C-alpha atoms as a PDB file:
ATOM      1  CA  MET A   1     -27.736   7.825  -2.610  1.00  0.00           C
ATOM      2  CA  PRO A   2     -26.436  11.353  -1.538  1.00  0.00           C
ATOM      3  CA  ARG A   3     -23.467  12.457  -3.630  1.00  0.00           C
ATOM      4  CA  VAL A   4     -20.438  14.580  -2.741  1.00  0.00           C
ATOM      5  CA  LYS A   5     -20.089  17.237  -5.352  1.00  0.00           C
ATOM      6  CA  ILE A   6     -16.403  17.439  -6.096  1.00  0.00           C
ATOM      7  CA  PRO A   7     -15.583  19.354  -9.251  1.00  0.00           C
ATOM      8  CA  ASN A   8     -13.307  18.138 -11.994  1.00  0.00           C
ATOM      9  CA  ILE A   9     -13.004  14.495 -11.096  1.00  0.00           C
ATOM     10  CA  PRO A  10     -13.847  11.437 -13.238  1.00  0.00           C
ATOM     11  CA  TRP A  11     -15.570   9.630 -10.343  1.00  0.00           C
ATOM     12  CA  ARG A  12     -18.876   9.733  -8.544  1.00  0.00           C
ATOM     13  CA  VAL A  13     -18.429   9.905  -4.818  1.00  0.00           C
ATOM     14  CA  SER A  14     -21.513   8.854  -2.748  1.00  0.00           C
ATOM     15  CA  PHE A  15     -22.804   7.703   0.599  1.00  0.00           C
ATOM     16  CA  TYR A  16     -25.437   5.020   1.034  1.00  0.00           C
ATOM     17  CA  SER A  17     -27.964   6.273   3.524  1.00  0.00           C
ATOM     18  CA  PHE A  18     -28.273   2.749   5.084  1.00  0.00           C
ATOM     19  CA  ASP A  19     -24.546   2.647   5.624  1.00  0.00           C
ATOM     20  CA  LEU A  20     -24.457   5.646   7.975  1.00  0.00           C
ATOM     21  CA  ARG A  21     -24.121   3.406  11.073  1.00  0.00           C
ATOM     22  CA  GLU A  22     -20.850   1.864   9.847  1.00  0.00           C
ATOM     23  CA  ARG A  23     -17.475   3.486  10.170  1.00  0.00           C
ATOM     24  CA  ARG A  24     -17.493   6.688   8.080  1.00  0.00           C
ATOM     25  CA  HIS A  25     -16.760   5.888   4.421  1.00  0.00           C
ATOM     26  CA  VAL A  26     -17.666   6.791   0.820  1.00  0.00           C
ATOM     27  CA  HIS A  27     -18.292   4.742  -2.318  1.00  0.00           C
ATOM     28  CA  VAL A  28     -16.547   5.747  -5.503  1.00  0.00           C
ATOM     29  CA  PHE A  29     -17.902   4.840  -8.874  1.00  0.00           C
ATOM     30  CA  ARG A  30     -16.822   5.064 -12.456  1.00  0.00           C
ATOM     31  CA  GLU A  31     -18.445   3.078 -15.268  1.00  0.00           C
ATOM     32  CA  ARG A  32     -18.959  -0.439 -13.810  1.00  0.00           C
ATOM     33  CA  MET A  33     -16.209  -0.045 -11.183  1.00  0.00           C
ATOM     34  CA  GLU A  34     -16.830   0.666  -7.495  1.00  0.00           C
ATOM     35  CA  CYS A  35     -14.725   0.869  -4.306  1.00  0.00           C
ATOM     36  CA  LYS A  36     -15.469   1.556  -0.736  1.00  0.00           C
ATOM     37  CA  VAL A  37     -13.016   3.865   1.119  1.00  0.00           C
ATOM     38  CA  TRP A  38     -12.923   4.306   4.866  1.00  0.00           C
ATOM     39  CA  ILE A  39     -12.425   7.985   5.770  1.00  0.00           C
ATOM     40  CA  GLU A  40     -12.525   7.666   9.537  1.00  0.00           C
ATOM     41  CA  ASN A  41      -9.363   6.834  11.460  1.00  0.00           C
ATOM     42  CA  GLY A  42      -7.287   7.219   8.293  1.00  0.00           C
ATOM     43  CA  ILE A  43      -8.048   6.908   4.597  1.00  0.00           C
ATOM     44  CA  GLU A  44      -7.924   3.334   3.300  1.00  0.00           C
ATOM     45  CA  ILE A  45      -9.609   0.931   0.846  1.00  0.00           C
ATOM     46  CA  ALA A  46     -12.261  -1.250   2.417  1.00  0.00           C
ATOM     47  CA  TRP A  47     -12.795  -3.105  -0.834  1.00  0.00           C
ATOM     48  CA  ASN A  48     -12.306  -2.624  -4.553  1.00  0.00           C
ATOM     49  CA  ARG A  49     -14.287  -3.823  -7.487  1.00  0.00           C
ATOM     50  CA  ASP A  50     -12.323  -3.531 -10.782  1.00  0.00           C
ATOM     51  CA  PHE A  51     -10.446  -0.292 -10.326  1.00  0.00           C
ATOM     52  CA  PRO A  52      -6.834  -0.690 -11.377  1.00  0.00           C
ATOM     53  CA  GLU A  53      -4.269  -0.042  -8.592  1.00  0.00           C
ATOM     54  CA  VAL A  54      -3.000   3.174 -10.194  1.00  0.00           C
ATOM     55  CA  GLU A  55      -6.490   4.560 -10.194  1.00  0.00           C
ATOM     56  CA  ILE A  56      -7.016   3.514  -6.606  1.00  0.00           C
ATOM     57  CA  ASN A  57      -3.920   5.625  -5.669  1.00  0.00           C
ATOM     58  CA  ASP A  58      -5.520   8.599  -7.522  1.00  0.00           C
ATOM     59  CA  ILE A  59      -8.841   8.019  -5.727  1.00  0.00           C
ATOM     60  CA  LEU A  60      -7.069   8.032  -2.332  1.00  0.00           C
ATOM     61  CA  ARG A  61      -5.341  11.262  -3.162  1.00  0.00           C
ATOM     62  CA  MET A  62      -8.567  12.873  -4.316  1.00  0.00           C
ATOM     63  CA  ILE A  63     -10.292  11.874  -1.172  1.00  0.00           C
ATOM     64  CA  GLU A  64      -7.435  13.220   1.015  1.00  0.00           C
ATOM     65  CA  LEU A  65      -7.521  16.570  -0.873  1.00  0.00           C
ATOM     66  CA  ASN A  66     -11.386  16.850  -0.422  1.00  0.00           C
ATOM     67  CA  LEU A  67     -11.762  15.276   2.916  1.00  0.00           C
ATOM     68  CA  ASN A  68     -13.237  18.528   4.547  1.00  0.00           C
ATOM     69  CA  LEU A  69     -15.922  18.753   1.837  1.00  0.00           C
ATOM     70  CA  ILE A  70     -16.647  14.985   2.165  1.00  0.00           C
ATOM     71  CA  ASN A  71     -16.980  15.209   5.970  1.00  0.00           C
ATOM     72  CA  GLU A  72     -19.117  18.428   5.689  1.00  0.00           C
ATOM     73  CA  THR A  73     -21.491  16.614   3.274  1.00  0.00           C
ATOM     74  CA  TYR A  74     -21.620  13.627   5.647  1.00  0.00           C
ATOM     75  CA  GLU A  75     -22.451  15.845   8.642  1.00  0.00           C
ATOM     76  CA  GLN A  76     -25.262  17.531   6.660  1.00  0.00           C
ATOM     77  CA  LEU A  77     -26.754  14.043   6.084  1.00  0.00           C
ATOM     78  CA  LEU A  78     -26.904  13.457   9.831  1.00  0.00           C
ATOM     79  CA  ALA A  79     -28.490  16.805  10.674  1.00  0.00           C
END
């Protein structure tokens, strides 16, 4: 599971290699919580497992701020 190395965040941001044929997205983890976030054609939650709403908003902001890094990491996986 390739990770996106984003400094100073409390979450783990990853891609599943078998998901690369889906619309571009990342999986975000912390403890036993996980969410899937679409990053292609806008940033939006695909699904959420146990993150509180306030934290989802923080996750969406973090993804927006780091979208270039996330997309660069994704492109490296495809190369």
